[in-house]
Amino acid sequence: MKSGPLIEVEAMFVQTAAGVEGGSGKLTLRGLAPSTLYFSDRPQRVVGHVSSRQFVDLWALGENSFAEDPPNAVLAFVHLDDERLDDVVMMLRDPSLDGDGITYTVDVLEGSLPGRAGPCSLFIDPLGRPLSPVSVMGVHRRARRRARRGPR
């Protein structure tokens, strides 16, 4: 892959899958979409996608890589038993592709990993910005602040 917007902008990433399995510090997305979406916030507003293989290959690339500074992420998923929507916040490490699945080592920061769940989306923070206002952890932090302040 040539050097392009993915490396030059602070890109956030989204992976989608048909299902998810979690436990013992691991998260596996099953039926992974063939590409990972990336997008940036203002002013560039760059949108694109890379193959899942390219995403994994980029993991340790460059200064301040995900390998050196693991990203935070939010997994949004549907429970299989009652179709309830849920999410869990975690830190991702060591992605590994296997067929149509990707497995991460995870540290759960908020919520609980499902043992098994249905359709899901994994929202991954941009490189080097784990607590920026637009990061998934930043969004959760703002929501907690708003909840403490109460309605306006």
N, C-alpha and C. Protein backbone atom coordinates (compact mmCIF):
# COMPACT_ATOMS: atom_id res chain seq x y z
N MET A 1 0.83 -1.18 0.00
CA MET A 1 0.00 0.00 0.00
C MET A 1 0.88 1.23 0.00
N LYS A 2 0.58 2.19 -0.82
CA LYS A 2 1.36 3.41 -0.87
C LYS A 2 1.06 4.28 0.35
N SER A 3 1.99 5.16 0.69
CA SER A 3 1.77 6.10 1.77
C SER A 3 0.67 7.05 1.31
N GLY A 4 -0.36 7.17 2.10
CA GLY A 4 -1.49 8.00 1.70
C GLY A 4 -2.21 8.53 2.90
N PRO A 5 -3.48 8.89 2.73
CA PRO A 5 -4.25 9.52 3.80
C PRO A 5 -4.31 8.72 5.08
N LEU A 6 -4.30 7.38 4.99
CA LEU A 6 -4.40 6.57 6.19
C LEU A 6 -3.25 6.85 7.14
N ILE A 7 -2.07 7.13 6.63
CA ILE A 7 -0.91 7.37 7.46
C ILE A 7 -0.77 8.85 7.79
N GLU A 8 -1.20 9.74 6.90
CA GLU A 8 -0.98 11.17 7.07
C GLU A 8 -2.05 11.86 7.89
N VAL A 9 -3.21 11.28 8.10
CA VAL A 9 -4.25 11.88 8.92
C VAL A 9 -4.45 11.02 10.16
N GLU A 10 -5.11 11.60 11.15
CA GLU A 10 -5.43 10.83 12.36
C GLU A 10 -6.72 10.08 12.09
N ALA A 11 -6.58 8.86 11.60
CA ALA A 11 -7.72 8.08 11.17
C ALA A 11 -8.27 7.23 12.30
N MET A 12 -9.59 7.17 12.38
CA MET A 12 -10.29 6.24 13.24
C MET A 12 -10.72 5.08 12.35
N PHE A 13 -10.94 3.92 12.95
CA PHE A 13 -11.18 2.71 12.18
C PHE A 13 -12.45 2.01 12.66
N VAL A 14 -13.11 1.30 11.73
CA VAL A 14 -14.29 0.51 12.07
C VAL A 14 -14.19 -0.84 11.37
N GLN A 15 -14.38 -1.90 12.16
CA GLN A 15 -14.46 -3.25 11.61
C GLN A 15 -15.83 -3.81 11.96
N THR A 16 -16.45 -4.50 11.01
CA THR A 16 -17.76 -5.10 11.25
C THR A 16 -17.67 -6.60 11.02
N ALA A 17 -18.54 -7.33 11.73
CA ALA A 17 -18.52 -8.78 11.62
C ALA A 17 -19.92 -9.34 11.92
N ALA A 18 -20.14 -10.57 11.49
CA ALA A 18 -21.41 -11.25 11.71
C ALA A 18 -21.59 -11.68 13.16
N GLY A 19 -20.48 -11.86 13.88
CA GLY A 19 -20.57 -12.30 15.27
C GLY A 19 -19.26 -12.08 15.99
N VAL A 20 -19.30 -12.28 17.30
CA VAL A 20 -18.14 -12.06 18.14
C VAL A 20 -18.08 -13.11 19.24
N GLU A 21 -16.86 -13.47 19.61
CA GLU A 21 -16.61 -14.37 20.74
C GLU A 21 -15.58 -13.71 21.63
N GLY A 22 -15.76 -13.80 22.94
CA GLY A 22 -14.82 -13.19 23.86
C GLY A 22 -14.59 -14.03 25.08
N GLY A 23 -13.45 -13.79 25.72
CA GLY A 23 -13.12 -14.47 26.96
C GLY A 23 -11.64 -14.69 27.10
N SER A 24 -11.18 -14.84 28.33
CA SER A 24 -9.77 -15.10 28.63
C SER A 24 -8.83 -14.08 27.99
N GLY A 25 -9.25 -12.81 28.01
CA GLY A 25 -8.40 -11.76 27.47
C GLY A 25 -8.30 -11.73 25.96
N LYS A 26 -9.22 -12.40 25.27
CA LYS A 26 -9.23 -12.44 23.79
C LYS A 26 -10.59 -12.01 23.27
N LEU A 27 -10.56 -11.39 22.10
CA LEU A 27 -11.77 -11.00 21.38
C LEU A 27 -11.60 -11.47 19.95
N THR A 28 -12.58 -12.20 19.43
CA THR A 28 -12.53 -12.66 18.04
C THR A 28 -13.78 -12.22 17.31
N LEU A 29 -13.58 -11.52 16.21
CA LEU A 29 -14.68 -11.15 15.33
C LEU A 29 -14.78 -12.24 14.27
N ARG A 30 -15.95 -12.86 14.14
CA ARG A 30 -16.19 -13.93 13.16
C ARG A 30 -17.04 -13.40 12.02
N GLY A 31 -16.76 -13.85 10.81
CA GLY A 31 -17.48 -13.34 9.65
C GLY A 31 -17.12 -11.89 9.41
N LEU A 32 -15.83 -11.60 9.57
CA LEU A 32 -15.30 -10.25 9.43
C LEU A 32 -15.51 -9.73 8.01
N ALA A 33 -15.97 -8.49 7.90
CA ALA A 33 -16.06 -7.85 6.59
C ALA A 33 -14.67 -7.82 5.97
N PRO A 34 -14.56 -7.92 4.66
CA PRO A 34 -13.24 -8.00 4.03
C PRO A 34 -12.39 -6.73 4.15
N SER A 35 -13.00 -5.61 4.52
CA SER A 35 -12.20 -4.39 4.64
C SER A 35 -12.49 -3.67 5.95
N THR A 36 -11.51 -2.88 6.37
CA THR A 36 -11.63 -2.03 7.55
C THR A 36 -11.83 -0.60 7.05
N LEU A 37 -12.88 0.03 7.51
CA LEU A 37 -13.17 1.41 7.15
C LEU A 37 -12.30 2.33 7.98
N TYR A 38 -11.79 3.40 7.37
CA TYR A 38 -11.11 4.44 8.15
C TYR A 38 -11.70 5.79 7.77
N PHE A 39 -11.67 6.70 8.72
CA PHE A 39 -12.16 8.05 8.46
C PHE A 39 -11.48 9.01 9.40
N SER A 40 -11.44 10.27 8.99
CA SER A 40 -10.83 11.29 9.82
C SER A 40 -11.86 12.38 10.11
N ASP A 41 -11.58 13.12 11.14
CA ASP A 41 -12.43 14.24 11.51
C ASP A 41 -11.97 15.48 10.75
N ARG A 42 -12.64 16.56 10.95
CA ARG A 42 -12.27 17.82 10.32
C ARG A 42 -10.82 18.16 10.55
N PRO A 43 -10.13 18.87 9.74
CA PRO A 43 -10.64 19.50 8.52
C PRO A 43 -10.55 18.61 7.28
N GLN A 44 -9.79 17.51 7.31
CA GLN A 44 -9.60 16.71 6.10
C GLN A 44 -10.82 15.90 5.69
N ARG A 45 -11.50 15.28 6.64
CA ARG A 45 -12.66 14.42 6.36
C ARG A 45 -12.33 13.38 5.28
N VAL A 46 -11.31 12.62 5.54
CA VAL A 46 -10.88 11.55 4.64
C VAL A 46 -11.63 10.29 5.01
N VAL A 47 -12.13 9.56 4.01
CA VAL A 47 -12.83 8.29 4.23
C VAL A 47 -12.28 7.29 3.24
N GLY A 48 -12.08 6.07 3.68
CA GLY A 48 -11.61 5.02 2.77
C GLY A 48 -11.65 3.68 3.47
N HIS A 49 -11.05 2.70 2.83
CA HIS A 49 -10.97 1.38 3.44
C HIS A 49 -9.70 0.69 3.00
N VAL A 50 -9.26 -0.24 3.83
CA VAL A 50 -8.11 -1.09 3.53
C VAL A 50 -8.55 -2.52 3.80
N SER A 51 -7.88 -3.45 3.20
CA SER A 51 -8.21 -4.85 3.48
C SER A 51 -7.85 -5.16 4.93
N SER A 52 -8.46 -6.17 5.46
CA SER A 52 -8.15 -6.57 6.83
C SER A 52 -6.67 -6.93 6.95
N ARG A 53 -6.10 -7.56 5.94
CA ARG A 53 -4.67 -7.90 5.94
C ARG A 53 -3.83 -6.63 6.01
N GLN A 54 -4.18 -5.61 5.21
CA GLN A 54 -3.43 -4.35 5.24
C GLN A 54 -3.52 -3.70 6.62
N PHE A 55 -4.70 -3.75 7.23
CA PHE A 55 -4.88 -3.16 8.56
C PHE A 55 -3.95 -3.83 9.58
N VAL A 56 -3.91 -5.15 9.57
CA VAL A 56 -3.03 -5.87 10.49
C VAL A 56 -1.57 -5.56 10.18
N ASP A 57 -1.22 -5.49 8.90
CA ASP A 57 0.16 -5.19 8.52
C ASP A 57 0.58 -3.78 8.94
N LEU A 58 -0.38 -2.84 9.02
CA LEU A 58 -0.08 -1.47 9.42
C LEU A 58 0.07 -1.32 10.95
N TRP A 59 -0.33 -2.33 11.70
CA TRP A 59 -0.40 -2.26 13.16
C TRP A 59 0.91 -1.77 13.79
N ALA A 60 2.04 -2.26 13.33
CA ALA A 60 3.34 -1.92 13.95
C ALA A 60 4.15 -0.94 13.10
N LEU A 61 3.53 -0.32 12.12
CA LEU A 61 4.23 0.55 11.19
C LEU A 61 4.39 1.97 11.74
N GLY A 62 5.58 2.53 11.65
CA GLY A 62 5.83 3.93 11.95
C GLY A 62 5.97 4.26 13.42
N GLU A 63 6.26 5.54 13.66
CA GLU A 63 6.36 6.03 15.03
C GLU A 63 4.97 6.05 15.66
N ASN A 64 4.92 5.82 16.95
CA ASN A 64 3.67 5.86 17.69
C ASN A 64 2.63 4.91 17.09
N SER A 65 3.07 3.73 16.68
CA SER A 65 2.19 2.73 16.07
C SER A 65 1.25 2.15 17.13
N PHE A 66 0.24 1.41 16.66
CA PHE A 66 -0.64 0.71 17.58
C PHE A 66 0.13 -0.31 18.41
N ALA A 67 1.18 -0.89 17.86
CA ALA A 67 1.98 -1.85 18.62
C ALA A 67 2.65 -1.17 19.81
N GLU A 68 3.10 0.07 19.63
CA GLU A 68 3.75 0.81 20.71
C GLU A 68 2.75 1.50 21.63
N ASP A 69 1.64 1.95 21.10
CA ASP A 69 0.62 2.67 21.86
C ASP A 69 -0.73 2.06 21.51
N PRO A 70 -1.09 0.92 22.15
CA PRO A 70 -2.31 0.20 21.78
C PRO A 70 -3.55 1.09 21.84
N PRO A 71 -4.41 0.96 20.84
CA PRO A 71 -5.61 1.80 20.79
C PRO A 71 -6.71 1.32 21.73
N ASN A 72 -7.53 2.25 22.14
CA ASN A 72 -8.77 1.91 22.81
C ASN A 72 -9.81 1.67 21.73
N ALA A 73 -10.83 0.92 22.08
CA ALA A 73 -11.88 0.61 21.11
C ALA A 73 -13.19 0.35 21.85
N VAL A 74 -14.28 0.51 21.13
CA VAL A 74 -15.60 0.14 21.64
C VAL A 74 -16.15 -0.93 20.73
N LEU A 75 -16.56 -2.04 21.32
CA LEU A 75 -17.26 -3.09 20.59
C LEU A 75 -18.74 -2.91 20.86
N ALA A 76 -19.52 -2.63 19.81
CA ALA A 76 -20.98 -2.55 19.91
C ALA A 76 -21.51 -3.86 19.33
N PHE A 77 -22.39 -4.54 20.08
CA PHE A 77 -22.84 -5.86 19.65
C PHE A 77 -24.29 -6.12 20.05
N VAL A 78 -24.86 -7.16 19.44
CA VAL A 78 -26.22 -7.59 19.71
C VAL A 78 -26.16 -8.92 20.45
N HIS A 79 -26.81 -8.99 21.62
CA HIS A 79 -26.89 -10.25 22.36
C HIS A 79 -27.74 -11.25 21.58
N LEU A 80 -27.31 -12.50 21.54
CA LEU A 80 -28.04 -13.53 20.78
C LEU A 80 -29.36 -13.91 21.43
N ASP A 81 -29.41 -13.94 22.76
CA ASP A 81 -30.60 -14.44 23.45
C ASP A 81 -31.80 -13.49 23.39
N ASP A 82 -31.57 -12.19 23.52
CA ASP A 82 -32.70 -11.26 23.58
C ASP A 82 -32.57 -10.08 22.62
N GLU A 83 -31.60 -10.11 21.72
CA GLU A 83 -31.35 -9.08 20.72
C GLU A 83 -31.13 -7.69 21.34
N ARG A 84 -30.70 -7.68 22.61
CA ARG A 84 -30.38 -6.43 23.29
C ARG A 84 -29.05 -5.89 22.77
N LEU A 85 -28.97 -4.57 22.61
CA LEU A 85 -27.73 -3.93 22.17
C LEU A 85 -26.86 -3.64 23.39
N ASP A 86 -25.56 -3.78 23.22
CA ASP A 86 -24.64 -3.57 24.34
C ASP A 86 -23.30 -3.11 23.78
N ASP A 87 -22.41 -2.66 24.66
CA ASP A 87 -21.06 -2.31 24.22
C ASP A 87 -20.08 -2.52 25.35
N VAL A 88 -18.83 -2.62 24.97
CA VAL A 88 -17.74 -2.80 25.92
C VAL A 88 -16.55 -1.99 25.41
N VAL A 89 -15.87 -1.31 26.33
CA VAL A 89 -14.70 -0.50 26.00
C VAL A 89 -13.47 -1.29 26.37
N MET A 90 -12.48 -1.31 25.49
CA MET A 90 -11.28 -2.11 25.74
C MET A 90 -10.06 -1.51 25.07
N MET A 91 -8.91 -2.03 25.42
CA MET A 91 -7.66 -1.72 24.74
C MET A 91 -7.31 -2.94 23.90
N LEU A 92 -6.89 -2.71 22.66
CA LEU A 92 -6.58 -3.81 21.73
C LEU A 92 -5.08 -4.00 21.58
N ARG A 93 -4.67 -5.26 21.46
CA ARG A 93 -3.27 -5.61 21.19
C ARG A 93 -3.23 -6.81 20.24
N ASP A 94 -2.10 -6.97 19.57
CA ASP A 94 -1.74 -8.20 18.85
C ASP A 94 -2.83 -8.78 17.94
N PRO A 95 -3.26 -8.05 16.91
CA PRO A 95 -4.26 -8.61 16.00
C PRO A 95 -3.71 -9.79 15.21
N SER A 96 -4.57 -10.77 14.99
CA SER A 96 -4.18 -11.96 14.23
C SER A 96 -5.35 -12.38 13.35
N LEU A 97 -5.10 -12.49 12.05
CA LEU A 97 -6.13 -12.93 11.11
C LEU A 97 -6.10 -14.44 10.96
N ASP A 98 -7.30 -15.03 10.86
CA ASP A 98 -7.43 -16.46 10.60
C ASP A 98 -8.71 -16.65 9.78
N GLY A 99 -8.56 -16.83 8.48
CA GLY A 99 -9.73 -16.96 7.61
C GLY A 99 -10.54 -15.69 7.63
N ASP A 100 -11.85 -15.82 7.97
CA ASP A 100 -12.71 -14.62 8.02
C ASP A 100 -12.86 -14.12 9.46
N GLY A 101 -11.85 -14.37 10.28
CA GLY A 101 -11.87 -13.89 11.66
C GLY A 101 -10.62 -13.12 12.01
N ILE A 102 -10.76 -12.22 12.98
CA ILE A 102 -9.62 -11.50 13.52
C ILE A 102 -9.70 -11.59 15.04
N THR A 103 -8.57 -11.90 15.66
CA THR A 103 -8.51 -12.03 17.11
C THR A 103 -7.56 -10.99 17.66
N TYR A 104 -7.98 -10.35 18.74
CA TYR A 104 -7.16 -9.38 19.47
C TYR A 104 -6.97 -9.88 20.89
N THR A 105 -5.84 -9.54 21.49
CA THR A 105 -5.68 -9.62 22.93
C THR A 105 -6.27 -8.33 23.46
N VAL A 106 -7.08 -8.40 24.52
CA VAL A 106 -7.78 -7.19 25.00
C VAL A 106 -7.64 -7.01 26.51
N ASP A 107 -7.67 -5.76 26.92
CA ASP A 107 -7.82 -5.37 28.31
C ASP A 107 -9.14 -4.63 28.38
N VAL A 108 -10.13 -5.18 29.10
CA VAL A 108 -11.44 -4.54 29.22
C VAL A 108 -11.34 -3.36 30.17
N LEU A 109 -11.84 -2.20 29.71
CA LEU A 109 -11.80 -0.97 30.51
C LEU A 109 -13.17 -0.64 31.10
N GLU A 110 -14.23 -0.95 30.37
CA GLU A 110 -15.62 -0.73 30.83
C GLU A 110 -16.50 -1.79 30.21
N GLY A 111 -17.43 -2.34 31.00
CA GLY A 111 -18.36 -3.31 30.49
C GLY A 111 -17.80 -4.72 30.58
N SER A 112 -18.45 -5.65 29.90
CA SER A 112 -18.07 -7.06 29.92
C SER A 112 -18.06 -7.63 28.50
N LEU A 113 -17.03 -8.40 28.21
CA LEU A 113 -16.98 -9.08 26.91
C LEU A 113 -18.06 -10.15 26.86
N PRO A 114 -18.76 -10.26 25.74
CA PRO A 114 -19.71 -11.36 25.62
C PRO A 114 -18.97 -12.66 25.32
N GLY A 115 -19.46 -13.77 25.87
CA GLY A 115 -18.89 -15.06 25.50
C GLY A 115 -19.11 -15.31 24.02
N ARG A 116 -20.31 -14.96 23.58
CA ARG A 116 -20.69 -15.10 22.18
C ARG A 116 -21.83 -14.13 21.92
N ALA A 117 -21.78 -13.42 20.80
CA ALA A 117 -22.84 -12.46 20.46
C ALA A 117 -22.98 -12.38 18.95
N GLY A 118 -24.01 -11.68 18.53
CA GLY A 118 -24.33 -11.55 17.11
C GLY A 118 -23.59 -10.42 16.42
N PRO A 119 -24.23 -9.82 15.44
CA PRO A 119 -23.58 -8.78 14.64
C PRO A 119 -22.92 -7.72 15.52
N CYS A 120 -21.77 -7.23 15.04
CA CYS A 120 -21.01 -6.29 15.86
C CYS A 120 -20.22 -5.33 14.99
N SER A 121 -19.85 -4.22 15.63
CA SER A 121 -18.94 -3.24 15.03
C SER A 121 -17.90 -2.89 16.07
N LEU A 122 -16.65 -2.82 15.63
CA LEU A 122 -15.54 -2.47 16.50
C LEU A 122 -15.03 -1.11 16.06
N PHE A 123 -15.16 -0.11 16.93
CA PHE A 123 -14.74 1.27 16.66
C PHE A 123 -13.40 1.48 17.33
N ILE A 124 -12.37 1.72 16.53
CA ILE A 124 -10.99 1.78 17.02
C ILE A 124 -10.48 3.21 16.96
N ASP A 125 -9.92 3.67 18.09
CA ASP A 125 -9.40 5.03 18.19
C ASP A 125 -8.26 5.28 17.21
N PRO A 126 -8.05 6.55 16.90
CA PRO A 126 -6.94 6.91 16.00
C PRO A 126 -5.59 6.71 16.66
N LEU A 127 -4.58 6.60 15.84
CA LEU A 127 -3.21 6.48 16.31
C LEU A 127 -2.84 7.67 17.19
N GLY A 128 -2.31 7.39 18.39
CA GLY A 128 -1.75 8.43 19.24
C GLY A 128 -2.73 9.39 19.87
N ARG A 129 -4.06 9.09 19.83
CA ARG A 129 -5.03 10.01 20.41
C ARG A 129 -6.04 9.28 21.28
N PRO A 130 -5.58 8.46 22.26
CA PRO A 130 -6.53 7.64 22.99
C PRO A 130 -7.55 8.40 23.84
N LEU A 131 -7.29 9.68 24.18
CA LEU A 131 -8.25 10.41 24.99
C LEU A 131 -8.68 11.71 24.34
N SER A 132 -8.58 11.80 23.03
CA SER A 132 -9.02 13.01 22.34
C SER A 132 -10.54 13.09 22.41
N PRO A 133 -11.11 14.30 22.23
CA PRO A 133 -12.57 14.44 22.29
C PRO A 133 -13.32 13.56 21.31
N VAL A 134 -12.71 13.24 20.15
CA VAL A 134 -13.43 12.42 19.17
C VAL A 134 -13.15 10.93 19.32
N SER A 135 -12.26 10.56 20.22
CA SER A 135 -11.96 9.15 20.41
C SER A 135 -13.11 8.45 21.12
N VAL A 136 -13.17 7.14 21.03
CA VAL A 136 -14.25 6.41 21.69
C VAL A 136 -14.18 6.58 23.20
N MET A 137 -12.99 6.62 23.76
CA MET A 137 -12.87 6.86 25.20
C MET A 137 -13.24 8.30 25.52
N GLY A 138 -12.90 9.23 24.64
CA GLY A 138 -13.28 10.62 24.84
C GLY A 138 -14.79 10.79 24.83
N VAL A 139 -15.48 10.09 23.94
CA VAL A 139 -16.94 10.15 23.88
C VAL A 139 -17.52 9.60 25.17
N HIS A 140 -17.01 8.47 25.66
CA HIS A 140 -17.49 7.90 26.92
C HIS A 140 -17.21 8.85 28.08
N ARG A 141 -16.04 9.49 28.07
CA ARG A 141 -15.69 10.43 29.13
C ARG A 141 -16.65 11.60 29.13
N ARG A 142 -16.98 12.15 27.94
CA ARG A 142 -17.93 13.26 27.86
C ARG A 142 -19.31 12.83 28.35
N ALA A 143 -19.74 11.63 27.98
CA ALA A 143 -21.07 11.14 28.41
C ALA A 143 -21.12 11.02 29.93
N ARG A 144 -20.05 10.53 30.55
CA ARG A 144 -20.02 10.42 32.02
C ARG A 144 -20.09 11.80 32.65
N ARG A 145 -19.36 12.77 32.08
CA ARG A 145 -19.38 14.15 32.61
C ARG A 145 -20.79 14.72 32.51
N ARG A 146 -21.43 14.51 31.37
CA ARG A 146 -22.80 15.03 31.18
C ARG A 146 -23.75 14.39 32.18
N ALA A 147 -23.59 13.10 32.43
CA ALA A 147 -24.47 12.41 33.37
C ALA A 147 -24.30 12.98 34.78
N ARG A 148 -23.08 13.32 35.16
CA ARG A 148 -22.83 13.89 36.49
C ARG A 148 -23.43 15.29 36.61
N ARG A 149 -23.40 16.07 35.50
CA ARG A 149 -23.93 17.43 35.52
C ARG A 149 -25.45 17.43 35.51
N GLY A 150 -26.04 16.40 34.93
CA GLY A 150 -27.49 16.34 34.82
C GLY A 150 -27.99 17.09 33.60
N PRO A 151 -29.31 17.05 33.37
CA PRO A 151 -29.87 17.71 32.19
C PRO A 151 -29.74 19.23 32.29
N ARG A 152 -29.61 19.85 31.14
CA ARG A 152 -29.52 21.32 31.08
C ARG A 152 -30.82 21.91 30.66
